[in-house]
Protein backbone atom coordinates (compact mmCIF):
# COMPACT_ATOMS: atom_id res chain seq x y z
CA MET A 1 9.80 -1.29 11.73
CA TYR A 2 7.00 -2.44 9.41
CA THR A 3 5.32 -0.48 6.64
CA VAL A 4 1.74 -0.90 5.52
CA TYR A 5 1.50 0.56 2.03
CA ILE A 6 -0.86 1.10 -0.87
CA LEU A 7 0.20 1.05 -4.50
CA GLN A 8 -1.76 2.59 -7.35
CA ASP A 9 -1.26 1.88 -11.05
CA ASP A 10 -2.04 3.84 -14.24
CA GLU A 11 -5.63 2.55 -14.23
CA ASN A 12 -6.13 3.60 -10.58
CA ARG A 13 -6.19 0.00 -9.33
CA LEU A 14 -4.97 -0.34 -5.75
CA TYR A 15 -2.86 -2.94 -3.97
CA LYS A 16 -2.45 -3.03 -0.19
CA GLY A 17 0.60 -4.65 1.33
CA LEU A 18 2.92 -5.01 4.30
CA THR A 19 6.71 -5.19 4.41
CA ASN A 20 9.74 -4.57 6.58
CA ASN A 21 11.69 -3.14 3.60
CA LEU A 22 9.57 -0.88 1.39
CA SER A 23 12.17 -0.04 -1.27
CA ARG A 24 12.96 -3.73 -1.86
CA ARG A 25 9.29 -4.63 -1.97
CA ILE A 26 8.46 -1.88 -4.49
CA GLN A 27 11.21 -3.17 -6.77
CA GLU A 28 9.76 -6.69 -6.51
CA HIS A 29 6.36 -5.35 -7.53
CA ARG A 30 7.81 -3.41 -10.47
CA ARG A 31 9.82 -6.42 -11.69
CA GLY A 32 6.76 -8.65 -11.70
CA LYS A 33 7.97 -10.87 -8.86
CA THR A 34 4.62 -10.59 -7.07
CA LYS A 35 1.83 -12.58 -8.67
CA SER A 36 -0.98 -10.31 -7.47
CA THR A 37 0.62 -7.14 -8.92
CA ARG A 38 2.18 -8.61 -12.05
CA ASN A 39 -0.47 -6.98 -14.26
CA LEU A 40 -0.25 -3.55 -12.66
CA LYS A 41 1.70 -1.03 -14.73
CA ASN A 42 3.72 1.90 -13.38
CA VAL A 43 2.86 1.40 -9.73
CA LYS A 44 3.50 4.19 -7.27
CA VAL A 45 3.14 4.38 -3.50
CA VAL A 46 0.12 6.55 -2.65
CA TYR A 47 -0.10 5.80 1.07
CA LYS A 48 2.08 4.34 3.80
CA GLU A 49 2.05 3.89 7.55
CA LEU A 50 4.88 2.88 9.85
CA HIS A 51 4.29 0.41 12.69
CA ASN A 52 6.61 -0.82 15.42
CA ASN A 53 5.46 -4.41 15.46
CA LEU A 54 4.21 -6.98 12.98
CA GLU A 55 0.92 -7.68 14.76
CA THR A 56 -0.22 -4.05 14.64
CA ALA A 57 0.87 -3.68 11.03
CA ARG A 58 -0.94 -6.85 9.99
CA ARG A 59 -4.17 -5.74 11.68
CA ARG A 60 -3.95 -2.40 9.87
CA GLU A 61 -3.32 -4.06 6.50
CA LEU A 62 -6.36 -6.30 7.03
CA TYR A 63 -8.47 -3.28 7.98
CA LEU A 64 -7.48 -1.45 4.78
CA LYS A 65 -8.75 -4.45 2.81
CA THR A 66 -12.24 -4.18 4.35
CA ALA A 67 -15.08 -2.01 3.01
CA ALA A 68 -14.46 0.56 5.76
CA GLY A 69 -10.75 0.55 4.96
CA ARG A 70 -11.42 1.07 1.26
CA ARG A 71 -13.63 4.08 2.10
CA PHE A 72 -10.81 5.47 4.30
CA ILE A 73 -8.34 5.03 1.44
CA LYS A 74 -10.66 6.66 -1.06
CA THR A 75 -10.95 9.81 1.05
CA LYS A 76 -7.19 9.98 1.63
CA ILE A 77 -6.26 9.52 -2.03
CA LYS A 78 -8.91 11.96 -3.30
CA THR A 79 -7.75 14.79 -1.07
CA SER A 80 -4.29 15.07 -2.60
CA ASP A 81 -1.85 13.62 -5.10
CA GLN A 82 0.83 13.50 -2.41
CA ILE A 83 1.95 10.34 -0.71
CA PHE A 84 0.26 10.10 2.66
CA MET A 85 2.39 8.91 5.53
CA SER A 86 1.01 8.12 8.92
CA GLN A 87 2.72 6.78 12.02
């Protein structure tokens, strides 16, 4: 099982990622082990999707990084402070 996820920090900056172990990956982000999120403070998961295979998950992660994907994220995050989970 693979998880496509989005992190948000205190300054509302977003990071989109993909992992097969979300709890481990979040800890790596919080400990500064990931270069691209090292400067993000107090990250929290604001969105996640579960996928059965790596190819599908990777395509979805790449989509979320496009302009259309960013618009999709913006509408999801604005509608609620809850973590969105999609399968």
